[in-house]
Amino acid sequence: MARRPASSGGEGFLSPAPPRILAHRGLALEAPENSLLAFAKALAIGVTHLETDVHGSADGVSVVSHDPDLVRVAGRDVRVAQLTMAELRRIPLGEAQGYSSLAEALDAFPDARFNIDIKSEDAIAPTIAAIREARAIDRVLISSFSRSRRRAVVEGLPGVATSLSASEVAPLLLAARLGARAAVRRLVRGIDAVQIPPRAKGIDLVPRGAVEAIRAAGVELHIWTVNDPAEMHRLLDLGVDGLVTDRADLAVEVLAARA
């Protein structure tokens, strides 16, 4: 498959060669999601890529957290942005884990690749700072449902790998389904990966022709969130490059069986 020349970020994050597993919030079977323990458990079974999310704390730190508040994971009716990083670290999440900063995660796992979803505006500046200070531009990919948030971080980290935001995906998928490969190449210019669910509103988003058109444009195609081994096999048979999964343990077994 022909690939466009990668940025310095793409060369680092998009290695080793696909197919790749992206451990969604780590491996949270016996560890709180998005905790350092969950990341360690994913890496311990051979995963190289971690998917995570960040919000901003009250004192301007990039905090590893999917939700904007603590209700679901800690039973506290308070927002991440209302607490300092020191206060968040003291919140018990289970298994002796508390919240961690992005800087701490990057430092704890210097060989891991991180797919970082920018969840809030107040996470933009501290995320840029954390990645710069860790000299981790070459091993992260920046994603966000918000095009403006994603672009702001990418502009602050020249050369970093990135994926399309939600508003940019529909035109791409339409062009890919129609086989309009010139349009596909134009729509993924400056992009390293397309990350989408397998279906939306009952519509298959990854028919074989669309997969081929996207990959022919020189970008990777990652599918989220895939936890069923049969579905993993189906998608890998179609040629997708990455599986974002809560069950990295099962995905490792699937890749081993296929090897």
C-alpha atoms as a PDB file:
ATOM      1  CA  MET A   1       0.000   0.000   0.000  1.00  0.00           C
ATOM      2  CA  ALA A   2       1.327   3.426  -0.906  1.00  0.00           C
ATOM      3  CA  ARG A   3       1.570   5.774   2.050  1.00  0.00           C
ATOM      4  CA  ARG A   4       2.130   9.494   2.064  1.00  0.00           C
ATOM      5  CA  PRO A   5       5.425  10.666   3.583  1.00  0.00           C
ATOM      6  CA  ALA A   6       4.816  10.613   7.313  1.00  0.00           C
ATOM      7  CA  SER A   7       5.465  13.479   9.664  1.00  0.00           C
ATOM      8  CA  SER A   8       7.973  12.936  12.455  1.00  0.00           C
ATOM      9  CA  GLY A   9       4.964  12.271  14.667  1.00  0.00           C
ATOM     10  CA  GLY A  10       3.471   9.731  12.274  1.00  0.00           C
ATOM     11  CA  GLU A  11       6.729   7.795  12.019  1.00  0.00           C
ATOM     12  CA  GLY A  12       6.856   7.348  15.769  1.00  0.00           C
ATOM     13  CA  PHE A  13       3.218   6.767  16.641  1.00  0.00           C
ATOM     14  CA  LEU A  14       2.505   4.594  13.612  1.00  0.00           C
ATOM     15  CA  SER A  15       5.057   1.992  14.571  1.00  0.00           C
ATOM     16  CA  PRO A  16       5.534  -0.892  14.762  1.00  0.00           C
ATOM     17  CA  ALA A  17       3.736  -1.920  11.611  1.00  0.00           C
ATOM     18  CA  PRO A  18      -0.020  -2.618  11.754  1.00  0.00           C
ATOM     19  CA  PRO A  19      -2.292  -4.224  12.611  1.00  0.00           C
ATOM     20  CA  ARG A  20      -2.139  -2.564  16.003  1.00  0.00           C
ATOM     21  CA  ILE A  21      -4.123  -2.691  19.216  1.00  0.00           C
ATOM     22  CA  LEU A  22      -5.056   0.552  20.971  1.00  0.00           C
ATOM     23  CA  ALA A  23      -5.970  -0.253  24.581  1.00  0.00           C
ATOM     24  CA  HIS A  24      -9.053   1.875  25.246  1.00  0.00           C
ATOM     25  CA  ARG A  25      -8.434   3.615  28.611  1.00  0.00           C
ATOM     26  CA  GLY A  26      -5.848   0.911  29.246  1.00  0.00           C
ATOM     27  CA  LEU A  27      -6.820  -2.608  30.280  1.00  0.00           C
ATOM     28  CA  ALA A  28      -9.434  -1.978  32.953  1.00  0.00           C
ATOM     29  CA  LEU A  29     -10.433  -5.526  33.920  1.00  0.00           C
ATOM     30  CA  GLU A  30      -8.770  -5.408  37.351  1.00  0.00           C
ATOM     31  CA  ALA A  31      -7.842  -1.749  37.374  1.00  0.00           C
ATOM     32  CA  PRO A  32      -9.723   1.554  37.175  1.00  0.00           C
ATOM     33  CA  GLU A  33     -10.035   2.869  33.620  1.00  0.00           C
ATOM     34  CA  ASN A  34      -7.486   5.482  32.528  1.00  0.00           C
ATOM     35  CA  SER A  35      -5.328   4.764  35.590  1.00  0.00           C
ATOM     36  CA  LEU A  36      -1.595   4.146  35.586  1.00  0.00           C
ATOM     37  CA  LEU A  37      -2.369   0.586  36.667  1.00  0.00           C
ATOM     38  CA  ALA A  38      -4.698   0.046  33.685  1.00  0.00           C
ATOM     39  CA  PHE A  39      -2.003   1.338  31.335  1.00  0.00           C
ATOM     40  CA  ALA A  40       0.619  -0.899  32.962  1.00  0.00           C
ATOM     41  CA  LYS A  41      -1.610  -3.959  32.606  1.00  0.00           C
ATOM     42  CA  ALA A  42      -2.130  -3.272  28.884  1.00  0.00           C
ATOM     43  CA  LEU A  43       1.568  -2.826  28.260  1.00  0.00           C
ATOM     44  CA  ALA A  44       2.384  -5.958  30.251  1.00  0.00           C
ATOM     45  CA  ILE A  45       0.535  -8.165  27.749  1.00  0.00           C
ATOM     46  CA  GLY A  46       2.427  -6.697  24.806  1.00  0.00           C
ATOM     47  CA  VAL A  47       0.256  -3.762  23.736  1.00  0.00           C
ATOM     48  CA  THR A  48       2.248  -0.790  22.458  1.00  0.00           C
ATOM     49  CA  HIS A  49      -0.555   1.789  22.066  1.00  0.00           C
ATOM     50  CA  LEU A  50      -2.775   3.292  24.758  1.00  0.00           C
ATOM     51  CA  GLU A  51      -5.930   5.310  24.111  1.00  0.00           C
ATOM     52  CA  THR A  52      -6.744   7.931  26.723  1.00  0.00           C
ATOM     53  CA  ASP A  53      -8.566  11.217  27.342  1.00  0.00           C
ATOM     54  CA  VAL A  54      -7.685  14.504  29.013  1.00  0.00           C
ATOM     55  CA  HIS A  55      -9.444  17.374  30.779  1.00  0.00           C
ATOM     56  CA  GLY A  56      -7.998  20.432  32.472  1.00  0.00           C
ATOM     57  CA  SER A  57      -7.743  20.745  36.263  1.00  0.00           C
ATOM     58  CA  ALA A  58      -8.464  23.861  38.335  1.00  0.00           C
ATOM     59  CA  ASP A  59      -4.745  24.627  38.442  1.00  0.00           C
ATOM     60  CA  GLY A  60      -4.119  24.178  34.728  1.00  0.00           C
ATOM     61  CA  VAL A  61      -2.880  20.593  34.518  1.00  0.00           C
ATOM     62  CA  SER A  62      -3.786  18.082  31.806  1.00  0.00           C
ATOM     63  CA  VAL A  63      -5.646  15.332  33.709  1.00  0.00           C
ATOM     64  CA  VAL A  64      -6.155  11.791  32.427  1.00  0.00           C
ATOM     65  CA  SER A  65      -9.941  11.403  32.559  1.00  0.00           C
ATOM     66  CA  HIS A  66     -12.670  10.464  30.131  1.00  0.00           C
ATOM     67  CA  ASP A  67     -15.570  12.121  31.950  1.00  0.00           C
ATOM     68  CA  PRO A  68     -15.808  15.836  32.747  1.00  0.00           C
ATOM     69  CA  ASP A  69     -16.896  14.951  36.284  1.00  0.00           C
ATOM     70  CA  LEU A  70     -16.209  12.344  38.966  1.00  0.00           C
ATOM     71  CA  VAL A  71     -19.746  10.937  39.261  1.00  0.00           C
ATOM     72  CA  ARG A  72     -19.347   7.678  37.359  1.00  0.00           C
ATOM     73  CA  VAL A  73     -15.851   6.645  38.440  1.00  0.00           C
ATOM     74  CA  ALA A  74     -15.672   8.051  41.976  1.00  0.00           C
ATOM     75  CA  GLY A  75     -19.243   8.814  43.064  1.00  0.00           C
ATOM     76  CA  ARG A  76     -18.410  12.486  43.586  1.00  0.00           C
ATOM     77  CA  ASP A  77     -20.671  15.197  42.142  1.00  0.00           C
ATOM     78  CA  VAL A  78     -17.845  17.534  41.175  1.00  0.00           C
ATOM     79  CA  ARG A  79     -16.159  18.398  37.903  1.00  0.00           C
ATOM     80  CA  VAL A  80     -12.525  17.676  37.098  1.00  0.00           C
ATOM     81  CA  ALA A  81     -12.064  21.376  36.363  1.00  0.00           C
ATOM     82  CA  GLN A  82     -13.141  22.290  39.905  1.00  0.00           C
ATOM     83  CA  LEU A  83     -10.293  20.396  41.605  1.00  0.00           C
ATOM     84  CA  THR A  84      -6.541  20.863  41.595  1.00  0.00           C
ATOM     85  CA  MET A  85      -4.256  18.084  40.433  1.00  0.00           C
ATOM     86  CA  ALA A  86      -3.205  17.462  44.032  1.00  0.00           C
ATOM     87  CA  GLU A  87      -6.844  17.056  45.061  1.00  0.00           C
ATOM     88  CA  LEU A  88      -7.564  14.735  42.129  1.00  0.00           C
ATOM     89  CA  ARG A  89      -4.632  12.483  43.019  1.00  0.00           C
ATOM     90  CA  ARG A  90      -6.191  11.902  46.442  1.00  0.00           C
ATOM     91  CA  ILE A  91      -9.535  10.719  45.006  1.00  0.00           C
ATOM     92  CA  PRO A  92      -9.677   6.908  45.462  1.00  0.00           C
ATOM     93  CA  LEU A  93     -10.616   5.130  42.244  1.00  0.00           C
ATOM     94  CA  GLY A  94      -9.925   1.587  43.444  1.00  0.00           C
ATOM     95  CA  GLU A  95      -6.879  -0.671  43.464  1.00  0.00           C
ATOM     96  CA  ALA A  96      -4.883   2.089  45.225  1.00  0.00           C
ATOM     97  CA  GLN A  97      -5.266   4.308  42.158  1.00  0.00           C
ATOM     98  CA  GLY A  98      -6.117   8.008  41.889  1.00  0.00           C
ATOM     99  CA  TYR A  99      -6.235  10.445  39.008  1.00  0.00           C
ATOM    100  CA  SER A 100      -2.954  11.075  37.209  1.00  0.00           C
ATOM    101  CA  SER A 101      -1.729  13.871  35.023  1.00  0.00           C
ATOM    102  CA  LEU A 102      -0.815  13.352  31.376  1.00  0.00           C
ATOM    103  CA  ALA A 103       2.753  14.313  32.292  1.00  0.00           C
ATOM    104  CA  GLU A 104       2.879  11.497  34.848  1.00  0.00           C
ATOM    105  CA  ALA A 105       1.545   8.963  32.344  1.00  0.00           C
ATOM    106  CA  LEU A 106       4.036   9.975  29.666  1.00  0.00           C
ATOM    107  CA  ASP A 107       6.868   9.802  32.196  1.00  0.00           C
ATOM    108  CA  ALA A 108       5.765   6.462  33.687  1.00  0.00           C
ATOM    109  CA  PHE A 109       5.631   4.736  30.288  1.00  0.00           C
ATOM    110  CA  PRO A 110       8.365   6.285  28.128  1.00  0.00           C
ATOM    111  CA  ASP A 111       8.123   3.627  25.412  1.00  0.00           C
ATOM    112  CA  ALA A 112       4.323   3.631  25.087  1.00  0.00           C
ATOM    113  CA  ARG A 113       2.440   5.375  22.289  1.00  0.00           C
ATOM    114  CA  PHE A 114      -0.509   7.468  23.460  1.00  0.00           C
ATOM    115  CA  ASN A 115      -3.662   8.262  21.470  1.00  0.00           C
ATOM    116  CA  ILE A 116      -4.891  11.360  23.341  1.00  0.00           C
ATOM    117  CA  ASP A 117      -8.479  12.601  23.025  1.00  0.00           C
ATOM    118  CA  ILE A 118      -8.739  16.291  23.938  1.00  0.00           C
ATOM    119  CA  LYS A 119     -12.039  16.460  25.824  1.00  0.00           C
ATOM    120  CA  SER A 120     -12.169  20.126  26.848  1.00  0.00           C
ATOM    121  CA  GLU A 121     -10.896  23.576  25.946  1.00  0.00           C
ATOM    122  CA  ASP A 122      -9.040  23.912  29.239  1.00  0.00           C
ATOM    123  CA  ALA A 123      -6.989  20.825  28.379  1.00  0.00           C
ATOM    124  CA  ILE A 124      -5.458  22.362  25.247  1.00  0.00           C
ATOM    125  CA  ALA A 125      -2.597  24.429  26.694  1.00  0.00           C
ATOM    126  CA  PRO A 126      -1.571  22.004  29.465  1.00  0.00           C
ATOM    127  CA  THR A 127      -1.630  19.059  27.043  1.00  0.00           C
ATOM    128  CA  ILE A 128       0.699  20.890  24.664  1.00  0.00           C
ATOM    129  CA  ALA A 129       2.988  21.735  27.585  1.00  0.00           C
ATOM    130  CA  ALA A 130       3.013  18.165  28.963  1.00  0.00           C
ATOM    131  CA  ILE A 131       3.870  16.617  25.593  1.00  0.00           C
ATOM    132  CA  ARG A 132       6.587  19.176  24.914  1.00  0.00           C
ATOM    133  CA  GLU A 133       8.157  18.749  28.341  1.00  0.00           C
ATOM    134  CA  ALA A 134       8.146  14.962  27.987  1.00  0.00           C
ATOM    135  CA  ARG A 135       9.629  15.263  24.473  1.00  0.00           C
ATOM    136  CA  ALA A 136       6.862  12.909  23.424  1.00  0.00           C
ATOM    137  CA  ILE A 137       5.677  14.517  20.171  1.00  0.00           C
ATOM    138  CA  ASP A 138       6.910  11.539  18.181  1.00  0.00           C
ATOM    139  CA  ARG A 139       4.897   8.986  20.205  1.00  0.00           C
ATOM    140  CA  VAL A 140       1.482  10.580  20.562  1.00  0.00           C
ATOM    141  CA  LEU A 141      -1.521  11.037  18.295  1.00  0.00           C
ATOM    142  CA  ILE A 142      -3.939  13.891  18.948  1.00  0.00           C
ATOM    143  CA  SER A 143      -7.639  13.301  18.460  1.00  0.00           C
ATOM    144  CA  SER A 144     -10.842  15.077  19.468  1.00  0.00           C
ATOM    145  CA  PHE A 145     -14.495  15.134  18.522  1.00  0.00           C
ATOM    146  CA  SER A 146     -13.962  18.903  18.322  1.00  0.00           C
ATOM    147  CA  ARG A 147     -12.149  20.050  15.198  1.00  0.00           C
ATOM    148  CA  SER A 148     -11.123  23.333  16.823  1.00  0.00           C
ATOM    149  CA  ARG A 149      -9.645  21.632  19.908  1.00  0.00           C
ATOM    150  CA  ARG A 150      -7.752  19.117  17.804  1.00  0.00           C
ATOM    151  CA  ARG A 151      -6.360  21.778  15.507  1.00  0.00           C
ATOM    152  CA  ALA A 152      -5.294  23.980  18.406  1.00  0.00           C
ATOM    153  CA  VAL A 153      -3.197  21.194  19.912  1.00  0.00           C
ATOM    154  CA  VAL A 154      -1.777  20.125  16.552  1.00  0.00           C
ATOM    155  CA  GLU A 155      -0.739  23.706  15.802  1.00  0.00           C
ATOM    156  CA  GLY A 156       1.042  23.798  19.151  1.00  0.00           C
ATOM    157  CA  LEU A 157       2.913  20.560  18.411  1.00  0.00           C
ATOM    158  CA  PRO A 158       4.323  20.774  14.874  1.00  0.00           C
ATOM    159  CA  GLY A 159       4.804  17.324  13.364  1.00  0.00           C
ATOM    160  CA  VAL A 160       2.511  15.498  15.787  1.00  0.00           C
ATOM    161  CA  ALA A 161       0.325  12.699  14.456  1.00  0.00           C
ATOM    162  CA  THR A 162      -3.413  13.350  14.332  1.00  0.00           C
ATOM    163  CA  SER A 163      -6.752  11.868  13.275  1.00  0.00           C
ATOM    164  CA  LEU A 164      -9.905  13.334  11.774  1.00  0.00           C
ATOM    165  CA  SER A 165     -12.491  14.909  14.053  1.00  0.00           C
ATOM    166  CA  ALA A 166     -16.164  13.901  14.000  1.00  0.00           C
ATOM    167  CA  SER A 167     -17.345  16.684  11.670  1.00  0.00           C
ATOM    168  CA  GLU A 168     -14.690  15.722   9.122  1.00  0.00           C
ATOM    169  CA  VAL A 169     -15.539  12.024   8.967  1.00  0.00           C
ATOM    170  CA  ALA A 170     -18.887  12.068   7.101  1.00  0.00           C
ATOM    171  CA  PRO A 171     -17.558  13.714   3.902  1.00  0.00           C
ATOM    172  CA  LEU A 172     -14.624  11.299   3.909  1.00  0.00           C
ATOM    173  CA  LEU A 173     -16.785   8.206   4.285  1.00  0.00           C
ATOM    174  CA  LEU A 174     -19.108   9.376   1.513  1.00  0.00           C
ATOM    175  CA  ALA A 175     -16.171   9.936  -0.829  1.00  0.00           C
ATOM    176  CA  ALA A 176     -14.683   6.564   0.127  1.00  0.00           C
ATOM    177  CA  ARG A 177     -17.969   4.710  -0.463  1.00  0.00           C
ATOM    178  CA  LEU A 178     -18.324   6.381  -3.862  1.00  0.00           C
ATOM    179  CA  GLY A 179     -14.769   5.435  -4.786  1.00  0.00           C
ATOM    180  CA  ALA A 180     -13.802   9.100  -5.235  1.00  0.00           C
ATOM    181  CA  ARG A 181     -10.169   8.514  -4.363  1.00  0.00           C
ATOM    182  CA  ALA A 182      -8.929  11.974  -5.334  1.00  0.00           C
ATOM    183  CA  ALA A 183     -11.445  13.468  -2.898  1.00  0.00           C
ATOM    184  CA  VAL A 184     -10.389  10.997  -0.215  1.00  0.00           C
ATOM    185  CA  ARG A 185      -6.743  12.020  -0.620  1.00  0.00           C
ATOM    186  CA  ARG A 186      -7.701  15.682  -0.344  1.00  0.00           C
ATOM    187  CA  LEU A 187      -9.811  15.135   2.763  1.00  0.00           C
ATOM    188  CA  VAL A 188      -7.034  13.300   4.634  1.00  0.00           C
ATOM    189  CA  ARG A 189      -4.259  15.720   3.752  1.00  0.00           C
ATOM    190  CA  GLY A 190      -2.223  16.305   6.906  1.00  0.00           C
ATOM    191  CA  ILE A 191      -3.949  13.398   8.675  1.00  0.00           C
ATOM    192  CA  ASP A 192      -2.291  10.204   9.916  1.00  0.00           C
ATOM    193  CA  ALA A 193      -5.319   8.107  10.888  1.00  0.00           C
ATOM    194  CA  VAL A 194      -9.075   7.876  10.508  1.00  0.00           C
ATOM    195  CA  GLN A 195     -10.785   6.574  13.642  1.00  0.00           C
ATOM    196  CA  ILE A 196     -14.439   5.564  13.420  1.00  0.00           C
ATOM    197  CA  PRO A 197     -16.947   3.095  14.889  1.00  0.00           C
ATOM    198  CA  PRO A 198     -17.870   0.072  12.758  1.00  0.00           C
ATOM    199  CA  ARG A 199     -21.498   1.182  12.513  1.00  0.00           C
ATOM    200  CA  ALA A 200     -23.671   4.210  13.125  1.00  0.00           C
ATOM    201  CA  LYS A 201     -27.481   4.168  13.179  1.00  0.00           C
ATOM    202  CA  GLY A 202     -27.434   0.695  11.695  1.00  0.00           C
ATOM    203  CA  ILE A 203     -25.204   1.705   8.761  1.00  0.00           C
ATOM    204  CA  ASP A 204     -21.971  -0.189   8.106  1.00  0.00           C
ATOM    205  CA  LEU A 205     -19.259   2.473   8.044  1.00  0.00           C
ATOM    206  CA  VAL A 206     -16.443   0.198   6.917  1.00  0.00           C
ATOM    207  CA  PRO A 207     -17.408  -1.729   3.769  1.00  0.00           C
ATOM    208  CA  ARG A 208     -14.393  -3.191   2.001  1.00  0.00           C
ATOM    209  CA  GLY A 209     -14.368  -0.554  -0.743  1.00  0.00           C
ATOM    210  CA  ALA A 210     -14.262   2.266   1.764  1.00  0.00           C
ATOM    211  CA  VAL A 211     -11.456   0.583   3.700  1.00  0.00           C
ATOM    212  CA  GLU A 212      -9.437   0.191   0.527  1.00  0.00           C
ATOM    213  CA  ALA A 213      -9.992   3.810  -0.532  1.00  0.00           C
ATOM    214  CA  ILE A 214      -8.938   5.201   2.863  1.00  0.00           C
ATOM    215  CA  ARG A 215      -5.849   3.031   3.146  1.00  0.00           C
ATOM    216  CA  ALA A 216      -4.874   3.758  -0.457  1.00  0.00           C
ATOM    217  CA  ALA A 217      -4.746   7.434   0.500  1.00  0.00           C
ATOM    218  CA  GLY A 218      -1.854   6.605   2.840  1.00  0.00           C
ATOM    219  CA  VAL A 219      -3.566   6.884   6.218  1.00  0.00           C
ATOM    220  CA  GLU A 220      -4.386   4.237   8.782  1.00  0.00           C
ATOM    221  CA  LEU A 221      -7.924   3.177   9.641  1.00  0.00           C
ATOM    222  CA  HIS A 222      -8.694   2.456  13.300  1.00  0.00           C
ATOM    223  CA  ILE A 223     -12.069   1.151  14.482  1.00  0.00           C
ATOM    224  CA  TRP A 224     -13.560   1.777  17.938  1.00  0.00           C
ATOM    225  CA  THR A 225     -14.623   0.306  20.311  1.00  0.00           C
ATOM    226  CA  VAL A 226     -14.344  -3.390  19.348  1.00  0.00           C
ATOM    227  CA  ASN A 227     -14.540  -5.989  22.136  1.00  0.00           C
ATOM    228  CA  ASP A 228     -15.823  -9.110  20.370  1.00  0.00           C
ATOM    229  CA  PRO A 229     -13.151 -11.450  18.905  1.00  0.00           C
ATOM    230  CA  ALA A 230     -15.343 -12.413  15.927  1.00  0.00           C
ATOM    231  CA  GLU A 231     -15.792  -8.740  15.058  1.00  0.00           C
ATOM    232  CA  MET A 232     -12.061  -8.182  15.452  1.00  0.00           C
ATOM    233  CA  HIS A 233     -11.380 -10.955  12.940  1.00  0.00           C
ATOM    234  CA  ARG A 234     -13.977  -9.546  10.539  1.00  0.00           C
ATOM    235  CA  LEU A 235     -12.485  -6.073  10.608  1.00  0.00           C
ATOM    236  CA  LEU A 236      -8.918  -7.325  10.258  1.00  0.00           C
ATOM    237  CA  ASP A 237     -10.035  -9.409   7.271  1.00  0.00           C
ATOM    238  CA  LEU A 238     -11.280  -6.172   5.711  1.00  0.00           C
ATOM    239  CA  GLY A 239      -7.824  -4.660   6.136  1.00  0.00           C
ATOM    240  CA  VAL A 240      -8.249  -2.185   8.996  1.00  0.00           C
ATOM    241  CA  ASP A 241      -5.016  -1.116  10.662  1.00  0.00           C
ATOM    242  CA  GLY A 242      -6.047  -0.764  14.279  1.00  0.00           C
ATOM    243  CA  LEU A 243      -8.569  -1.937  16.848  1.00  0.00           C
ATOM    244  CA  VAL A 244      -9.479   0.363  19.716  1.00  0.00           C
ATOM    245  CA  THR A 245     -10.678  -2.016  22.407  1.00  0.00           C
ATOM    246  CA  ASP A 246     -11.546  -2.381  26.085  1.00  0.00           C
ATOM    247  CA  ARG A 247     -10.390  -6.001  25.787  1.00  0.00           C
ATOM    248  CA  ALA A 248      -6.783  -5.697  24.769  1.00  0.00           C
ATOM    249  CA  ASP A 249      -6.291  -9.166  26.247  1.00  0.00           C
ATOM    250  CA  LEU A 250      -8.670 -10.684  23.698  1.00  0.00           C
ATOM    251  CA  ALA A 251      -7.244  -8.588  20.869  1.00  0.00           C
ATOM    252  CA  VAL A 252      -3.737  -9.860  21.643  1.00  0.00           C
ATOM    253  CA  GLU A 253      -5.045 -13.406  21.362  1.00  0.00           C
ATOM    254  CA  VAL A 254      -6.720 -12.603  18.050  1.00  0.00           C
ATOM    255  CA  LEU A 255      -3.529 -11.171  16.546  1.00  0.00           C
ATOM    256  CA  ALA A 256      -1.514 -14.133  17.840  1.00  0.00           C
ATOM    257  CA  ALA A 257      -3.944 -16.584  16.254  1.00  0.00           C
ATOM    258  CA  ARG A 258      -3.783 -14.747  12.925  1.00  0.00           C
ATOM    259  CA  ALA A 259       0.016 -14.630  12.991  1.00  0.00           C
END
